[in-house]
């Protein structure tokens, strides 16, 4: 039992320009097997409307195993054999992508990730660069775990947590989780008729997490607990999470007007504060980059990336994806950031124009040595002014 739309608490969505939308298996699996567009249509319409007003959405979609099971109905078992489920996931990827492409008014791209891709800094940056480029091209990225090789992820079924990781990966402003449960309740609404929905969670305390129940479906492998775990991960990156029922078209439509009928899980501070704190305090590599006065002024302004033309020198060794110190000509720390190139590559690019990167290296990871989204200036400049 869940609340009707008029009984659900309503609150305003926080302002957002880029969001990650996670859609669970329960919204895509047909009763007779396979996939259905019944609930996906409204979600696709929301993504299209968001794109039309200049917003970006990355979709994290479950449903591959359910689709694969329908294709192999006579042979596949419904048991927990891991190899069988991995095979079903591989079979179901194509129809799952086809479903979203059929509902989308723009190209759809499949991006398969494992947690290892997101733990390894080089692969992390490669995934980040690819997703950014897809968004810049106006493409709808559809992300899923590479279940055929991600053994632990398939067993745990944590596409909710993957969505939170992807939200941090692409610097999203908001994580949206659509499921067959319309909100977080103070008790299990399937067992307690008196359960009340909670509209706004200011902080994920142990008491709040204790309210989460398990999955109510044999199709999906996650429940409210994994959604709260995902919200906690997103909050750690300064990203709020909205939980809502994806089976109600009016609820989904209301999102277009910035209204949430569900549960908003808030964060302390904001996204940039959380990211800047991490960049300022995470362990840096052994090398550093020296920049000229013009680059110092641009970086302290907080809106510029570090380009090769402003670099005077490189000291020590670091690899692509490492956190490096950026210093001025007097060796005063100016900023810290994730470097798009290794030390040996940056040395070859000192003082050059970004357009020369590919001709000098034979390849390019982008025009920026350190992108502004991956950079934090130090707390104070030489003059004592906060940057």
Protein backbone atom coordinates (compact mmCIF):
# COMPACT_ATOMS: atom_id res chain seq x y z
CA UNK A 1 0.00 0.00 0.00
CA UNK A 2 1.32 3.42 -0.97
CA UNK A 3 -0.09 6.91 -0.77
CA UNK A 4 -2.01 8.46 -3.63
CA UNK A 5 -0.50 11.48 -5.35
CA UNK A 6 -2.57 14.04 -3.44
CA UNK A 7 -1.54 12.41 -0.14
CA UNK A 8 2.16 12.41 -0.92
CA UNK A 9 4.14 15.31 0.47
CA UNK A 10 5.24 17.83 -2.15
CA UNK A 11 8.42 19.84 -2.12
CA UNK A 12 10.41 21.83 -4.65
CA UNK A 13 13.27 20.15 -6.41
CA UNK A 14 16.57 21.96 -5.92
CA UNK A 15 17.78 23.87 -9.00
CA UNK A 16 19.61 21.60 -11.40
CA UNK A 17 21.28 21.66 -14.78
CA UNK A 18 22.56 18.07 -14.91
CA UNK A 19 20.94 15.04 -13.29
CA UNK A 20 21.36 11.29 -13.16
CA UNK A 21 18.10 9.34 -13.40
CA UNK A 22 18.09 5.75 -12.19
CA UNK A 23 15.24 3.54 -13.40
CA UNK A 24 14.73 0.19 -11.70
CA UNK A 25 13.80 -3.18 -13.19
CA UNK A 26 10.36 -3.04 -11.61
CA UNK A 27 9.43 -0.18 -13.94
CA UNK A 28 10.60 -1.94 -17.09
CA UNK A 29 9.77 -5.63 -16.62
CA UNK A 30 6.55 -6.82 -18.25
CA UNK A 31 4.25 -9.13 -16.29
CA UNK A 32 4.60 -11.86 -18.90
CA UNK A 33 8.36 -11.45 -19.21
CA UNK A 34 10.54 -9.10 -21.20
CA UNK A 35 10.33 -5.33 -21.13
CA UNK A 36 7.44 -2.91 -21.36
CA UNK A 37 7.26 0.80 -22.19
CA UNK A 38 4.24 1.27 -19.92
CA UNK A 39 6.07 3.32 -17.29
CA UNK A 40 9.15 4.17 -19.34
CA UNK A 41 7.17 6.47 -21.65
CA UNK A 42 6.58 9.11 -18.99
CA UNK A 43 10.22 8.95 -17.86
CA UNK A 44 11.42 9.32 -21.45
CA UNK A 45 9.10 12.31 -21.89
CA UNK A 46 10.59 13.89 -18.76
CA UNK A 47 14.11 13.44 -20.12
CA UNK A 48 13.07 14.91 -23.48
CA UNK A 49 11.39 17.93 -21.84
CA UNK A 50 14.48 18.49 -19.68
CA UNK A 51 16.73 18.40 -22.73
CA UNK A 52 14.48 20.89 -24.51
CA UNK A 53 15.11 23.51 -21.82
CA UNK A 54 18.87 23.00 -21.77
CA UNK A 55 19.19 20.42 -19.02
CA UNK A 56 21.23 17.24 -19.24
CA UNK A 57 20.22 13.80 -18.03
CA UNK A 58 22.32 10.65 -17.74
CA UNK A 59 20.16 7.54 -17.47
CA UNK A 60 21.18 4.56 -15.35
CA UNK A 61 18.86 1.76 -16.38
CA UNK A 62 18.29 -1.71 -15.01
CA UNK A 63 16.28 -4.33 -16.88
CA UNK A 64 18.88 -6.25 -18.89
CA UNK A 65 18.48 -9.50 -16.94
CA UNK A 66 14.68 -9.36 -17.23
CA UNK A 67 14.97 -8.76 -20.97
CA UNK A 68 17.45 -11.61 -21.39
CA UNK A 69 15.27 -13.99 -19.43
CA UNK A 70 12.38 -13.33 -21.83
CA UNK A 71 14.58 -14.09 -24.84
CA UNK A 72 15.63 -17.43 -23.36
CA UNK A 73 12.37 -18.31 -21.61
CA UNK A 74 12.55 -22.00 -22.46
CA UNK A 75 16.16 -22.49 -21.36
CA UNK A 76 16.93 -19.91 -18.70
CA UNK A 77 16.29 -20.67 -15.06
CA UNK A 78 14.93 -18.21 -12.54
CA UNK A 79 17.37 -19.42 -9.91
CA UNK A 80 20.41 -17.66 -8.57
CA UNK A 81 23.06 -19.30 -10.79
CA UNK A 82 25.53 -16.47 -11.37
CA UNK A 83 26.80 -17.62 -14.77
CA UNK A 84 23.22 -17.90 -16.04
CA UNK A 85 22.38 -14.41 -14.81
CA UNK A 86 25.50 -13.01 -16.42
CA UNK A 87 24.51 -14.61 -19.72
CA UNK A 88 21.00 -13.18 -19.39
CA UNK A 89 22.45 -9.73 -18.74
CA UNK A 90 24.53 -9.96 -21.91
CA UNK A 91 21.48 -11.06 -23.92
CA UNK A 92 19.27 -8.36 -22.49
CA UNK A 93 21.48 -5.33 -23.06
CA UNK A 94 20.41 -4.91 -26.70
CA UNK A 95 16.63 -4.95 -26.10
CA UNK A 96 17.03 -2.69 -23.07
CA UNK A 97 18.88 -0.10 -25.16
CA UNK A 98 16.37 -0.57 -27.99
CA UNK A 99 13.53 0.24 -25.59
CA UNK A 100 15.05 3.59 -24.64
CA UNK A 101 16.04 4.42 -28.21
CA UNK A 102 12.47 3.77 -29.32
CA UNK A 103 11.23 6.29 -26.74
CA UNK A 104 13.93 8.91 -27.27
CA UNK A 105 13.85 11.77 -29.78
CA UNK A 106 17.66 11.87 -29.87
CA UNK A 107 20.47 9.33 -30.19
CA UNK A 108 21.06 6.90 -27.34
CA UNK A 109 24.52 5.65 -26.36
CA UNK A 110 25.27 2.63 -24.20
CA UNK A 111 27.97 2.98 -21.54
CA UNK A 112 28.85 -0.16 -19.56
CA UNK A 113 30.84 0.32 -16.37
CA UNK A 114 32.14 -1.70 -13.47
CA UNK A 115 33.22 -0.39 -10.11
CA UNK A 116 36.81 -1.12 -11.12
CA UNK A 117 36.41 1.40 -13.93
CA UNK A 118 35.48 4.00 -11.35
CA UNK A 119 38.18 3.08 -8.82
CA UNK A 120 41.02 3.33 -11.32
CA UNK A 121 41.75 7.05 -11.83
CA UNK A 122 42.76 6.73 -15.48
CA UNK A 123 39.69 4.71 -16.39
CA UNK A 124 37.60 7.05 -14.23
CA UNK A 125 38.73 10.03 -16.27
CA UNK A 126 38.21 8.16 -19.53
CA UNK A 127 34.62 7.38 -18.51
CA UNK A 128 34.09 10.96 -17.36
CA UNK A 129 35.44 12.39 -20.62
CA UNK A 130 33.25 10.07 -22.69
CA UNK A 131 30.08 10.93 -20.77
CA UNK A 132 30.80 14.65 -20.98
CA UNK A 133 31.33 14.41 -24.72
CA UNK A 134 28.09 12.47 -25.18
CA UNK A 135 26.19 15.13 -23.24
CA UNK A 136 27.85 17.89 -25.27
CA UNK A 137 26.68 16.12 -28.44
CA UNK A 138 23.10 16.05 -27.17
CA UNK A 139 23.13 12.28 -26.81
CA UNK A 140 21.28 10.39 -24.07
CA UNK A 141 23.84 8.19 -22.27
CA UNK A 142 22.33 4.98 -20.91
CA UNK A 143 24.63 3.58 -18.23
CA UNK A 144 24.51 0.11 -16.80
CA UNK A 145 26.85 -2.12 -14.90
CA UNK A 146 28.81 -4.52 -17.07
CA UNK A 147 27.07 -7.40 -15.36
CA UNK A 148 28.74 -10.05 -17.50
CA UNK A 149 32.06 -9.38 -15.72
CA UNK A 150 31.06 -7.44 -12.57
CA UNK A 151 30.49 -10.44 -10.32
CA UNK A 152 30.06 -8.63 -7.02
CA UNK A 153 27.87 -5.93 -8.52
CA UNK A 154 25.52 -8.44 -10.12
CA UNK A 155 25.19 -10.36 -6.87
CA UNK A 156 24.51 -7.18 -4.89
CA UNK A 157 22.31 -5.61 -7.54
CA UNK A 158 23.36 -2.09 -6.67
CA UNK A 159 22.51 -0.02 -9.72
CA UNK A 160 21.24 2.48 -7.15
CA UNK A 161 24.78 2.85 -5.85
CA UNK A 162 26.16 2.89 -9.38
CA UNK A 163 23.84 5.82 -10.13
CA UNK A 164 25.25 7.72 -7.15
CA UNK A 165 28.79 7.05 -8.34
CA UNK A 166 27.89 8.20 -11.86
CA UNK A 167 26.30 11.35 -10.40
CA UNK A 168 29.62 12.22 -8.79
CA UNK A 169 31.48 11.18 -11.93
CA UNK A 170 29.63 13.68 -14.14
CA UNK A 171 29.31 16.42 -11.48
CA UNK A 172 25.53 16.12 -11.43
CA UNK A 173 23.43 18.57 -9.45
CA UNK A 174 20.76 15.99 -8.62
CA UNK A 175 20.24 12.23 -8.36
CA UNK A 176 16.75 11.02 -9.29
CA UNK A 177 15.75 7.47 -8.34
CA UNK A 178 12.54 6.14 -9.88
CA UNK A 179 11.11 2.91 -8.50
CA UNK A 180 7.87 1.12 -7.67
CA UNK A 181 7.90 2.73 -4.20
CA UNK A 182 6.72 6.33 -4.23
CA UNK A 183 8.62 7.64 -1.19
CA UNK A 184 10.50 6.76 1.95
CA UNK A 185 8.04 5.75 4.68
CA UNK A 186 8.45 5.68 8.43
CA UNK A 187 7.44 1.99 8.29
CA UNK A 188 6.98 -0.64 5.59
CA UNK A 189 3.78 0.45 3.76
CA UNK A 190 3.23 -3.10 2.49
CA UNK A 191 2.85 -4.35 6.05
CA UNK A 192 1.72 -1.32 8.02
CA UNK A 193 -1.38 0.56 6.77
CA UNK A 194 -0.53 3.44 9.10
CA UNK A 195 2.88 4.03 7.48
CA UNK A 196 3.43 7.70 6.59
CA UNK A 197 5.56 9.04 3.72
CA UNK A 198 8.45 11.34 4.59
CA UNK A 199 8.74 14.30 2.23
CA UNK A 200 12.07 15.82 3.25
CA UNK A 201 15.09 14.22 4.91
CA UNK A 202 17.62 16.77 6.10
CA UNK A 203 20.21 14.18 7.11
CA UNK A 204 20.56 10.42 6.74
CA UNK A 205 20.76 9.36 10.37
CA UNK A 206 20.82 5.72 11.55
CA UNK A 207 17.18 6.17 12.54
CA UNK A 208 16.24 7.16 8.99
CA UNK A 209 18.20 4.29 7.45
CA UNK A 210 16.45 1.88 9.83
CA UNK A 211 13.15 2.80 8.16
CA UNK A 212 14.27 1.18 4.90
CA UNK A 213 12.79 -2.16 3.94
CA UNK A 214 13.97 -4.82 1.53
CA UNK A 215 13.03 -5.25 -2.09
CA UNK A 216 9.38 -6.02 -2.69
CA UNK A 217 9.87 -7.63 -6.09
CA UNK A 218 11.40 -10.77 -7.54
CA UNK A 219 12.45 -8.77 -10.61
CA UNK A 220 14.63 -6.10 -9.03
CA UNK A 221 17.54 -6.91 -6.77
CA UNK A 222 17.63 -3.69 -4.74
CA UNK A 223 15.36 -2.18 -2.13
CA UNK A 224 14.90 1.03 -0.19
CA UNK A 225 18.05 0.29 1.79
CA UNK A 226 20.22 0.42 -1.34
CA UNK A 227 18.48 3.65 -2.33
CA UNK A 228 19.40 5.21 0.98
CA UNK A 229 22.95 3.91 0.59
CA UNK A 230 23.04 5.58 -2.82
CA UNK A 231 21.66 8.80 -1.36
CA UNK A 232 24.40 8.73 1.28
CA UNK A 233 27.07 8.35 -1.41
CA UNK A 234 25.54 11.21 -3.40
CA UNK A 235 25.31 13.39 -0.30
CA UNK A 236 29.01 12.79 0.30
CA UNK A 237 29.63 14.44 -3.08
CA UNK A 238 27.23 17.29 -2.26
CA UNK A 239 24.42 15.92 -4.46
CA UNK A 240 20.81 15.74 -3.19
CA UNK A 241 18.66 12.71 -4.03
CA UNK A 242 14.98 12.59 -5.01
CA UNK A 243 13.08 9.32 -4.54
CA UNK A 244 9.77 9.01 -6.38
CA UNK A 245 7.33 6.53 -7.82
CA UNK A 246 7.96 5.94 -11.50
CA UNK A 247 4.61 4.23 -12.04
CA UNK A 248 2.60 7.41 -11.64
CA UNK A 249 2.67 9.59 -14.77
CA UNK A 250 1.47 12.64 -12.82
CA UNK A 251 4.38 12.29 -10.38
CA UNK A 252 6.85 12.10 -13.25
CA UNK A 253 5.19 15.02 -15.07
CA UNK A 254 5.43 17.17 -11.94
CA UNK A 255 9.21 16.84 -12.06
CA UNK A 256 9.19 18.94 -15.23
CA UNK A 257 7.76 21.82 -13.18
CA UNK A 258 10.31 21.28 -10.43
CA UNK A 259 7.85 19.63 -8.04
CA UNK A 260 8.64 16.40 -6.25
CA UNK A 261 5.94 14.09 -4.92
CA UNK A 262 8.17 11.71 -2.99
CA UNK A 263 11.17 12.12 -0.74
CA UNK A 264 13.97 14.66 -1.07
CA UNK A 265 17.17 13.67 0.73
CA UNK A 266 19.15 16.83 1.26
CA UNK A 267 22.85 17.51 1.80
CA UNK A 268 24.76 19.75 4.15
CA UNK A 269 26.48 22.49 2.20
CA UNK A 270 26.55 22.30 -1.57
CA UNK A 271 28.12 20.19 -4.29
CA UNK A 272 31.03 22.49 -5.03
CA UNK A 273 31.90 22.85 -1.35
CA UNK A 274 32.08 19.06 -0.98
CA UNK A 275 34.15 18.57 -4.12
CA UNK A 276 36.51 21.45 -3.36
CA UNK A 277 37.04 20.11 0.15
CA UNK A 278 38.00 16.70 -1.27
CA UNK A 279 40.36 18.21 -3.84
CA UNK A 280 42.01 20.40 -1.23
CA UNK A 281 42.53 17.63 1.33
CA UNK A 282 42.97 14.38 -0.61
CA UNK A 283 46.57 13.09 -0.87
CA UNK A 284 48.35 14.55 -3.89
CA UNK A 285 50.98 12.91 -6.05
CA UNK A 286 54.69 13.57 -5.77
CA UNK A 287 54.84 16.02 -8.68
CA UNK A 288 53.68 19.57 -9.23
CA UNK A 289 53.12 22.02 -12.08
CA UNK A 290 54.50 25.57 -12.10
CA UNK A 291 52.41 28.21 -13.88
CA UNK A 292 52.90 31.83 -14.94
CA UNK A 293 51.26 34.93 -13.46
CA UNK A 294 48.50 34.97 -16.07
CA UNK A 295 47.51 31.41 -15.25
CA UNK A 296 47.58 32.23 -11.51
CA UNK A 297 45.11 35.08 -12.03
CA UNK A 298 42.86 32.92 -14.19
CA UNK A 299 42.86 30.01 -11.76
CA UNK A 300 42.24 32.16 -8.68
CA UNK A 301 39.19 33.58 -10.43
CA UNK A 302 37.73 30.09 -10.12
CA UNK A 303 36.24 29.82 -13.61
CA UNK A 304 39.27 28.81 -15.68
CA UNK A 305 40.89 25.50 -16.52
CA UNK A 306 44.65 25.07 -16.61
CA UNK A 307 45.80 25.14 -20.24
CA UNK A 308 49.27 24.21 -21.52
CA UNK A 309 50.06 27.80 -22.55
CA UNK A 310 50.25 28.94 -18.92
CA UNK A 311 52.63 26.24 -17.75
CA UNK A 312 56.27 27.11 -16.97
CA UNK A 313 57.52 23.75 -15.75
CA UNK A 314 56.82 20.30 -14.33
CA UNK A 315 58.56 18.72 -11.35
CA UNK A 316 58.46 15.14 -10.17
CA UNK A 317 56.36 12.35 -11.63
CA UNK A 318 52.63 11.78 -11.80
CA UNK A 319 50.22 9.90 -14.01
CA UNK A 320 47.03 10.78 -15.83
CA UNK A 321 44.27 11.08 -13.24
CA UNK A 322 46.60 11.89 -10.33
CA UNK A 323 45.90 14.80 -8.01
CA UNK A 324 48.70 17.37 -8.49
CA UNK A 325 49.73 20.63 -6.88
CA UNK A 326 49.80 23.78 -9.00
CA UNK A 327 52.27 26.45 -7.85
CA UNK A 328 53.36 29.90 -9.00
CA UNK A 329 56.88 30.93 -10.00
CA UNK A 330 57.78 31.43 -6.32
CA UNK A 331 56.59 27.92 -5.44
CA UNK A 332 53.52 29.20 -3.57
CA UNK A 333 50.59 26.79 -3.81
CA UNK A 334 47.85 28.14 -6.06
CA UNK A 335 45.53 25.20 -6.66
CA UNK A 336 45.19 21.42 -6.75
CA UNK A 337 43.51 19.33 -9.40
CA UNK A 338 43.17 16.06 -11.26
CA UNK A 339 45.58 16.10 -14.18
CA UNK A 340 44.35 14.95 -17.58
CA UNK A 341 47.89 14.09 -18.66
CA UNK A 342 50.95 12.44 -17.13
CA UNK A 343 54.07 14.39 -16.18
CA UNK A 344 56.02 13.31 -19.27
CA UNK A 345 53.16 14.44 -21.51
CA UNK A 346 52.77 17.80 -19.77
CA UNK A 347 56.50 18.47 -20.18
CA UNK A 348 56.07 18.16 -23.96
CA UNK A 349 53.15 20.61 -23.86
CA UNK A 350 54.74 23.40 -21.78
CA UNK A 351 53.84 26.80 -23.24
CA UNK A 352 52.04 25.35 -26.24
CA UNK A 353 48.52 26.02 -27.48
CA UNK A 354 45.79 23.50 -26.76
CA UNK A 355 45.23 23.00 -30.48
CA UNK A 356 48.76 21.58 -30.74
CA UNK A 357 48.18 18.76 -28.23
CA UNK A 358 47.19 16.09 -30.74
CA UNK A 359 49.98 16.91 -33.17
CA UNK A 360 52.58 16.86 -30.39
CA UNK A 361 51.39 13.71 -28.61
CA UNK A 362 49.60 11.85 -31.38
CA UNK A 363 46.38 11.86 -29.31
CA UNK A 364 44.39 14.18 -27.07
CA UNK A 365 42.49 13.74 -23.81
CA UNK A 366 41.08 17.25 -24.11
CA UNK A 367 42.23 20.85 -24.37
CA UNK A 368 42.73 21.23 -20.61
CA UNK A 369 45.64 19.96 -18.55
CA UNK A 370 43.39 20.29 -15.49
CA UNK A 371 39.69 20.93 -16.13
CA UNK A 372 38.06 23.57 -13.92
CA UNK A 373 35.54 20.98 -12.66
CA UNK A 374 38.51 18.95 -11.35
CA UNK A 375 40.33 21.92 -9.79
CA UNK A 376 40.14 23.73 -6.44
CA UNK A 377 42.06 26.87 -5.59
CA UNK A 378 43.71 27.00 -2.20
CA UNK A 379 41.84 28.50 0.74
CA UNK A 380 43.70 31.79 0.54
CA UNK A 381 45.86 33.56 -1.99
CA UNK A 382 49.13 35.31 -1.22
CA UNK A 383 47.26 38.50 -0.35
CA UNK A 384 45.09 36.68 2.16
CA UNK A 385 41.92 36.88 0.09
CA UNK A 386 39.78 33.76 0.02
CA UNK A 387 39.78 32.17 -3.42
